[in-house]
Amino acid sequence: MARKYEVIYILNPVIGDEAINATMERIQTLIESSATVEKVDVWGRRRLAYEINDQKEGHYVLIEFCAEPEFPKELERVLKITDHVLRYLVVRADD
C-alpha cells in the first residue's frame, strides 16, 4: 500500500548551478524509479539557521511523493552517501 511522503534536502551552494541541477536530477530520477512524484518545489538558495560544514547558505528542495513503506529507507541511504547534500529529512505526510 503506497503512502505519501515528503523529502526536503539541502545542497551545498558552493558547487555551482550545473552540479546542483545534476544532483537534483539524479535524486528526482531515483525517486521516480520507485515512487510517484506529486510535487517538486525548489526553494532555491536560503540562509541556514546555523552553519553546516562552514556554510551559511544552502539550496533547498522539497519533493512530495507516494511510495511503498520500504522506499524511504533506501532514499535516506542514498542521500546520506551523496556528495554535496548537507542535510535531508524524509517524513510521512499524513492526510
N, C-alpha and C. Protein backbone atom coordinates (compact mmCIF):
# COMPACT_ATOMS: atom_id res chain seq x y z
N MET A 1 0.83 -1.18 0.00
CA MET A 1 0.00 0.00 0.00
C MET A 1 0.88 1.25 0.00
N ALA A 2 0.74 2.07 -1.01
CA ALA A 2 1.56 3.27 -1.14
C ALA A 2 1.12 4.33 -0.14
N ARG A 3 2.10 5.04 0.41
CA ARG A 3 1.84 6.11 1.37
C ARG A 3 2.47 7.40 0.86
N LYS A 4 2.00 8.52 1.39
CA LYS A 4 2.54 9.81 0.99
C LYS A 4 3.74 10.16 1.87
N TYR A 5 4.78 10.68 1.24
CA TYR A 5 5.99 11.09 1.94
C TYR A 5 6.44 12.43 1.41
N GLU A 6 7.25 13.10 2.21
CA GLU A 6 7.92 14.33 1.79
C GLU A 6 9.40 14.19 2.11
N VAL A 7 10.23 14.66 1.21
CA VAL A 7 11.66 14.74 1.47
C VAL A 7 12.09 16.17 1.21
N ILE A 8 12.85 16.71 2.14
CA ILE A 8 13.48 18.01 1.93
C ILE A 8 14.97 17.79 2.12
N TYR A 9 15.73 18.33 1.19
CA TYR A 9 17.18 18.21 1.31
C TYR A 9 17.83 19.54 0.97
N ILE A 10 19.02 19.74 1.53
CA ILE A 10 19.77 20.97 1.34
C ILE A 10 21.08 20.63 0.67
N LEU A 11 21.34 21.28 -0.46
CA LEU A 11 22.58 21.07 -1.20
C LEU A 11 23.56 22.20 -0.91
N ASN A 12 24.83 21.89 -0.98
CA ASN A 12 25.89 22.87 -0.80
C ASN A 12 25.90 23.81 -2.01
N PRO A 13 25.68 25.11 -1.84
CA PRO A 13 25.59 26.02 -2.99
C PRO A 13 26.95 26.34 -3.62
N VAL A 14 28.04 26.00 -2.98
CA VAL A 14 29.37 26.30 -3.48
C VAL A 14 29.70 25.51 -4.74
N ILE A 15 29.02 24.39 -4.96
CA ILE A 15 29.36 23.51 -6.08
C ILE A 15 28.97 24.08 -7.43
N GLY A 16 28.12 25.10 -7.47
CA GLY A 16 27.74 25.72 -8.73
C GLY A 16 26.40 25.22 -9.24
N ASP A 17 25.80 26.00 -10.13
CA ASP A 17 24.46 25.70 -10.63
C ASP A 17 24.39 24.40 -11.42
N GLU A 18 25.40 24.11 -12.24
CA GLU A 18 25.37 22.87 -13.03
C GLU A 18 25.39 21.64 -12.14
N ALA A 19 26.24 21.63 -11.14
CA ALA A 19 26.32 20.49 -10.23
C ALA A 19 25.06 20.38 -9.38
N ILE A 20 24.49 21.52 -8.98
CA ILE A 20 23.24 21.50 -8.21
C ILE A 20 22.14 20.88 -9.05
N ASN A 21 22.00 21.33 -10.30
CA ASN A 21 20.96 20.78 -11.18
C ASN A 21 21.17 19.30 -11.45
N ALA A 22 22.42 18.87 -11.64
CA ALA A 22 22.70 17.46 -11.88
C ALA A 22 22.35 16.61 -10.66
N THR A 23 22.68 17.09 -9.48
CA THR A 23 22.37 16.35 -8.25
C THR A 23 20.87 16.28 -8.03
N MET A 24 20.17 17.40 -8.25
CA MET A 24 18.70 17.40 -8.11
C MET A 24 18.07 16.42 -9.10
N GLU A 25 18.56 16.40 -10.32
CA GLU A 25 18.01 15.48 -11.34
C GLU A 25 18.26 14.03 -10.96
N ARG A 26 19.46 13.74 -10.43
CA ARG A 26 19.79 12.37 -10.04
C ARG A 26 18.89 11.90 -8.90
N ILE A 27 18.64 12.77 -7.91
CA ILE A 27 17.78 12.41 -6.78
C ILE A 27 16.34 12.23 -7.25
N GLN A 28 15.87 13.13 -8.11
CA GLN A 28 14.49 13.02 -8.61
C GLN A 28 14.32 11.75 -9.45
N THR A 29 15.31 11.39 -10.24
CA THR A 29 15.24 10.17 -11.05
C THR A 29 15.16 8.94 -10.15
N LEU A 30 15.92 8.95 -9.05
CA LEU A 30 15.86 7.84 -8.09
C LEU A 30 14.46 7.73 -7.50
N ILE A 31 13.87 8.85 -7.12
CA ILE A 31 12.53 8.82 -6.54
C ILE A 31 11.51 8.35 -7.57
N GLU A 32 11.61 8.83 -8.80
CA GLU A 32 10.66 8.45 -9.85
C GLU A 32 10.78 6.98 -10.22
N SER A 33 11.93 6.36 -9.98
CA SER A 33 12.11 4.95 -10.32
C SER A 33 11.30 4.03 -9.41
N SER A 34 11.04 4.48 -8.17
CA SER A 34 10.33 3.62 -7.21
C SER A 34 9.10 4.26 -6.60
N ALA A 35 8.78 5.47 -7.03
CA ALA A 35 7.65 6.18 -6.42
C ALA A 35 6.97 7.07 -7.46
N THR A 36 5.84 7.62 -7.07
CA THR A 36 5.12 8.57 -7.91
C THR A 36 5.32 9.97 -7.34
N VAL A 37 5.97 10.82 -8.11
CA VAL A 37 6.23 12.18 -7.65
C VAL A 37 4.97 13.02 -7.85
N GLU A 38 4.53 13.67 -6.78
CA GLU A 38 3.34 14.52 -6.84
C GLU A 38 3.70 15.98 -7.03
N LYS A 39 4.81 16.41 -6.39
CA LYS A 39 5.15 17.83 -6.45
C LYS A 39 6.64 18.01 -6.18
N VAL A 40 7.28 18.86 -6.96
CA VAL A 40 8.67 19.24 -6.74
C VAL A 40 8.69 20.74 -6.53
N ASP A 41 9.19 21.17 -5.40
CA ASP A 41 9.22 22.59 -5.06
C ASP A 41 10.67 22.98 -4.76
N VAL A 42 11.28 23.73 -5.67
CA VAL A 42 12.66 24.18 -5.49
C VAL A 42 12.61 25.54 -4.81
N TRP A 43 13.07 25.59 -3.57
CA TRP A 43 13.06 26.84 -2.81
C TRP A 43 14.25 27.72 -3.17
N GLY A 44 15.30 27.10 -3.68
CA GLY A 44 16.48 27.87 -4.05
C GLY A 44 17.40 28.12 -2.87
N ARG A 45 18.26 29.11 -3.05
CA ARG A 45 19.27 29.43 -2.04
C ARG A 45 18.63 30.20 -0.89
N ARG A 46 18.84 29.67 0.32
CA ARG A 46 18.31 30.29 1.53
C ARG A 46 19.38 30.27 2.61
N ARG A 47 19.25 31.16 3.55
CA ARG A 47 20.17 31.22 4.69
C ARG A 47 19.84 30.07 5.64
N LEU A 48 20.86 29.39 6.14
CA LEU A 48 20.69 28.31 7.10
C LEU A 48 20.48 28.87 8.50
N ALA A 49 19.80 28.14 9.35
CA ALA A 49 19.58 28.57 10.73
C ALA A 49 20.90 28.55 11.51
N TYR A 50 21.80 27.64 11.13
CA TYR A 50 23.12 27.56 11.75
C TYR A 50 24.08 27.03 10.69
N GLU A 51 25.36 27.27 10.89
CA GLU A 51 26.35 26.84 9.92
C GLU A 51 26.47 25.32 9.88
N ILE A 52 26.56 24.79 8.66
CA ILE A 52 26.78 23.37 8.44
C ILE A 52 28.00 23.25 7.54
N ASN A 53 29.05 22.60 8.01
CA ASN A 53 30.29 22.45 7.25
C ASN A 53 30.80 23.81 6.76
N ASP A 54 30.78 24.80 7.64
CA ASP A 54 31.24 26.17 7.35
C ASP A 54 30.42 26.87 6.28
N GLN A 55 29.21 26.41 6.01
CA GLN A 55 28.33 27.05 5.03
C GLN A 55 27.22 27.80 5.76
N LYS A 56 26.93 29.02 5.29
CA LYS A 56 25.87 29.82 5.88
C LYS A 56 24.60 29.77 5.04
N GLU A 57 24.69 29.27 3.82
CA GLU A 57 23.54 29.17 2.92
C GLU A 57 23.46 27.76 2.36
N GLY A 58 22.25 27.42 1.86
CA GLY A 58 22.05 26.13 1.24
C GLY A 58 20.98 26.24 0.16
N HIS A 59 20.97 25.28 -0.75
CA HIS A 59 19.99 25.22 -1.83
C HIS A 59 18.94 24.18 -1.43
N TYR A 60 17.71 24.64 -1.14
CA TYR A 60 16.66 23.79 -0.60
C TYR A 60 15.78 23.23 -1.71
N VAL A 61 15.39 21.94 -1.56
CA VAL A 61 14.47 21.29 -2.50
C VAL A 61 13.50 20.43 -1.68
N LEU A 62 12.19 20.55 -1.98
CA LEU A 62 11.15 19.77 -1.33
C LEU A 62 10.45 18.93 -2.39
N ILE A 63 10.32 17.61 -2.14
CA ILE A 63 9.64 16.72 -3.07
C ILE A 63 8.58 15.93 -2.30
N GLU A 64 7.36 15.95 -2.82
CA GLU A 64 6.27 15.14 -2.27
C GLU A 64 6.06 13.96 -3.20
N PHE A 65 5.94 12.75 -2.62
CA PHE A 65 5.79 11.55 -3.44
C PHE A 65 5.00 10.48 -2.70
N CYS A 66 4.50 9.51 -3.47
CA CYS A 66 3.82 8.32 -2.93
C CYS A 66 4.71 7.12 -3.20
N ALA A 67 4.90 6.29 -2.18
CA ALA A 67 5.78 5.13 -2.34
C ALA A 67 5.40 4.05 -1.34
N GLU A 68 5.94 2.88 -1.58
CA GLU A 68 5.79 1.78 -0.64
C GLU A 68 6.62 2.08 0.61
N PRO A 69 6.25 1.51 1.76
CA PRO A 69 6.93 1.85 3.02
C PRO A 69 8.43 1.53 3.06
N GLU A 70 8.93 0.66 2.19
CA GLU A 70 10.35 0.30 2.22
C GLU A 70 11.23 1.35 1.53
N PHE A 71 10.66 2.12 0.62
CA PHE A 71 11.46 3.03 -0.20
C PHE A 71 12.12 4.17 0.57
N PRO A 72 11.48 4.81 1.55
CA PRO A 72 12.16 5.92 2.25
C PRO A 72 13.49 5.54 2.89
N LYS A 73 13.63 4.32 3.36
CA LYS A 73 14.92 3.90 3.93
C LYS A 73 16.01 3.87 2.86
N GLU A 74 15.67 3.40 1.67
CA GLU A 74 16.62 3.39 0.57
C GLU A 74 16.98 4.83 0.16
N LEU A 75 15.98 5.69 0.11
CA LEU A 75 16.22 7.09 -0.24
C LEU A 75 17.14 7.74 0.78
N GLU A 76 16.92 7.51 2.06
CA GLU A 76 17.79 8.06 3.10
C GLU A 76 19.22 7.54 2.95
N ARG A 77 19.36 6.26 2.62
CA ARG A 77 20.69 5.68 2.44
C ARG A 77 21.43 6.40 1.32
N VAL A 78 20.74 6.63 0.20
CA VAL A 78 21.36 7.29 -0.94
C VAL A 78 21.70 8.74 -0.62
N LEU A 79 20.79 9.45 0.04
CA LEU A 79 21.05 10.85 0.39
C LEU A 79 22.23 10.97 1.36
N LYS A 80 22.36 9.99 2.24
CA LYS A 80 23.44 10.03 3.22
C LYS A 80 24.81 9.92 2.55
N ILE A 81 24.91 9.16 1.47
CA ILE A 81 26.21 8.97 0.82
C ILE A 81 26.42 9.89 -0.38
N THR A 82 25.42 10.71 -0.72
CA THR A 82 25.54 11.60 -1.87
C THR A 82 26.36 12.83 -1.48
N ASP A 83 27.38 13.11 -2.29
CA ASP A 83 28.19 14.30 -2.07
C ASP A 83 27.32 15.54 -2.23
N HIS A 84 27.68 16.58 -1.53
CA HIS A 84 27.05 17.90 -1.63
C HIS A 84 25.70 17.99 -0.94
N VAL A 85 25.16 16.92 -0.35
CA VAL A 85 23.93 17.02 0.43
C VAL A 85 24.33 17.35 1.86
N LEU A 86 23.95 18.57 2.31
CA LEU A 86 24.30 19.00 3.66
C LEU A 86 23.40 18.34 4.70
N ARG A 87 22.09 18.38 4.46
CA ARG A 87 21.11 17.77 5.36
C ARG A 87 19.92 17.28 4.55
N TYR A 88 19.17 16.33 5.13
CA TYR A 88 17.95 15.83 4.48
C TYR A 88 17.00 15.36 5.56
N LEU A 89 15.73 15.30 5.21
CA LEU A 89 14.72 14.79 6.13
C LEU A 89 13.60 14.17 5.29
N VAL A 90 13.28 12.90 5.57
CA VAL A 90 12.19 12.20 4.90
C VAL A 90 11.13 11.94 5.97
N VAL A 91 9.91 12.41 5.70
CA VAL A 91 8.81 12.21 6.65
C VAL A 91 7.58 11.69 5.93
N ARG A 92 6.75 11.00 6.69
CA ARG A 92 5.48 10.53 6.15
C ARG A 92 4.45 11.65 6.28
N ALA A 93 3.80 11.99 5.21
CA ALA A 93 2.81 13.07 5.22
C ALA A 93 1.44 12.48 5.49
N ASP A 94 0.86 12.82 6.61
CA ASP A 94 -0.48 12.35 6.95
C ASP A 94 -1.52 13.24 6.30
N ASP A 95 -2.61 12.64 5.87
CA ASP A 95 -3.68 13.42 5.23
C ASP A 95 -4.47 14.21 6.24
